[in-house]
């Protein structure tokens, strides 16, 4: 029998799984009750989605790397960019996989 986690890259210990609550990220293919694979050691790059801990809440943010710096955006098109160097939140890791529910 194959290891159920064999689809993960090397370094299983650096991975965590989270379950999504809500449909705020459906435009990015992340749906309510999806399970996400978060790599705590992977470096974020442009267009990554990261898990952030902020004021007692876990949030997802989209990464944008420009000539002016690295910024995080929320799921809404009109969200205000937050410069990573001024970030009060803690970035926990980069989303590297999504497991969708079938039913």
Protein backbone atom coordinates (compact mmCIF):
# COMPACT_ATOMS: atom_id res chain seq x y z
CA UNK A 1 0.00 0.00 0.00
CA UNK A 2 1.31 3.47 -0.89
CA UNK A 3 1.90 6.10 1.73
CA UNK A 4 -1.09 8.47 1.67
CA UNK A 5 1.32 11.41 2.06
CA UNK A 6 3.59 10.31 -0.79
CA UNK A 7 2.34 13.21 -2.95
CA UNK A 8 4.11 15.61 -0.61
CA UNK A 9 7.57 16.85 -1.47
CA UNK A 10 10.43 15.85 0.78
CA UNK A 11 10.32 17.08 4.35
CA UNK A 12 6.95 15.87 5.62
CA UNK A 13 7.74 17.29 9.05
CA UNK A 14 7.60 20.84 7.67
CA UNK A 15 4.02 20.37 6.41
CA UNK A 16 0.80 21.16 8.23
CA UNK A 17 -2.79 20.69 7.09
CA UNK A 18 -5.59 23.20 7.60
CA UNK A 19 -9.29 23.08 6.75
CA UNK A 20 -10.78 26.14 5.06
CA UNK A 21 -13.91 27.72 6.49
CA UNK A 22 -15.85 29.95 4.08
CA UNK A 23 -15.77 30.78 0.38
CA UNK A 24 -13.75 34.01 0.40
CA UNK A 25 -11.01 32.41 -1.73
CA UNK A 26 -13.18 30.59 -4.27
CA UNK A 27 -11.81 32.83 -7.07
CA UNK A 28 -8.45 31.18 -6.39
CA UNK A 29 -9.88 27.64 -6.42
CA UNK A 30 -9.94 27.36 -2.62
CA UNK A 31 -13.38 26.31 -1.41
CA UNK A 32 -15.19 25.86 1.91
CA UNK A 33 -14.02 22.69 3.72
CA UNK A 34 -11.00 22.19 1.42
CA UNK A 35 -7.88 20.87 3.12
CA UNK A 36 -4.73 22.81 2.35
CA UNK A 37 -1.14 21.64 2.62
CA UNK A 38 1.00 24.37 4.16
CA UNK A 39 4.78 24.18 3.90
CA UNK A 40 6.33 26.05 6.80
CA UNK A 41 9.79 26.07 5.23
CA UNK A 42 9.01 27.03 1.64
CA UNK A 43 9.95 30.56 0.67
CA UNK A 44 7.07 32.69 -0.59
CA UNK A 45 7.29 33.96 -4.16
CA UNK A 46 5.12 36.17 -6.35
CA UNK A 47 1.53 34.82 -6.59
CA UNK A 48 1.95 32.45 -3.62
CA UNK A 49 -0.90 32.09 -1.15
CA UNK A 50 0.32 32.13 2.45
CA UNK A 51 -1.23 31.32 5.82
CA UNK A 52 -0.97 34.27 8.21
CA UNK A 53 -1.73 34.48 11.94
CA UNK A 54 -3.13 37.89 12.88
CA UNK A 55 -4.79 39.02 16.10
CA UNK A 56 -6.02 35.55 17.04
CA UNK A 57 -7.18 34.60 13.54
CA UNK A 58 -5.73 32.46 10.77
CA UNK A 59 -6.01 34.16 7.37
CA UNK A 60 -4.90 33.50 3.81
CA UNK A 61 -3.13 36.21 1.84
CA UNK A 62 -1.90 36.44 -1.75
CA UNK A 63 1.75 37.50 -2.24
CA UNK A 64 2.79 40.15 -4.75
CA UNK A 65 6.49 40.83 -5.36
CA UNK A 66 7.24 44.09 -7.17
CA UNK A 67 10.17 46.43 -7.58
CA UNK A 68 8.83 48.35 -4.58
CA UNK A 69 8.84 45.33 -2.26
CA UNK A 70 6.75 42.35 -1.21
CA UNK A 71 3.08 42.86 -0.38
CA UNK A 72 0.17 40.75 0.87
CA UNK A 73 -3.38 41.08 -0.42
CA UNK A 74 -6.70 39.73 0.81
CA UNK A 75 -9.15 37.83 -1.39
CA UNK A 76 -11.08 40.91 -2.53
CA UNK A 77 -9.95 42.81 -5.63
CA UNK A 78 -10.07 46.12 -3.74
CA UNK A 79 -8.05 44.94 -0.75
CA UNK A 80 -5.30 47.22 0.50
CA UNK A 81 -1.75 45.89 -0.02
CA UNK A 82 0.21 45.31 3.19
CA UNK A 83 4.01 45.60 2.92
CA UNK A 84 5.59 42.46 4.37
CA UNK A 85 8.32 44.47 6.14
CA UNK A 86 5.62 46.41 8.06
CA UNK A 87 3.59 43.29 8.78
CA UNK A 88 2.32 42.81 12.32
CA UNK A 89 1.11 39.33 11.42
CA UNK A 90 3.18 36.18 11.41
CA UNK A 91 3.48 34.23 8.15
CA UNK A 92 3.13 30.54 9.01
CA UNK A 93 3.80 29.02 5.60
CA UNK A 94 3.02 28.75 1.90
CA UNK A 95 0.05 26.83 0.47
CA UNK A 96 1.50 24.02 -1.67
CA UNK A 97 -1.53 21.78 -2.17
CA UNK A 98 -5.31 21.64 -2.04
CA UNK A 99 -7.51 18.61 -1.33
CA UNK A 100 -11.08 19.29 -2.48
CA UNK A 101 -14.12 17.55 -1.03
CA UNK A 102 -16.07 15.49 -3.53
CA UNK A 103 -19.50 15.61 -1.93
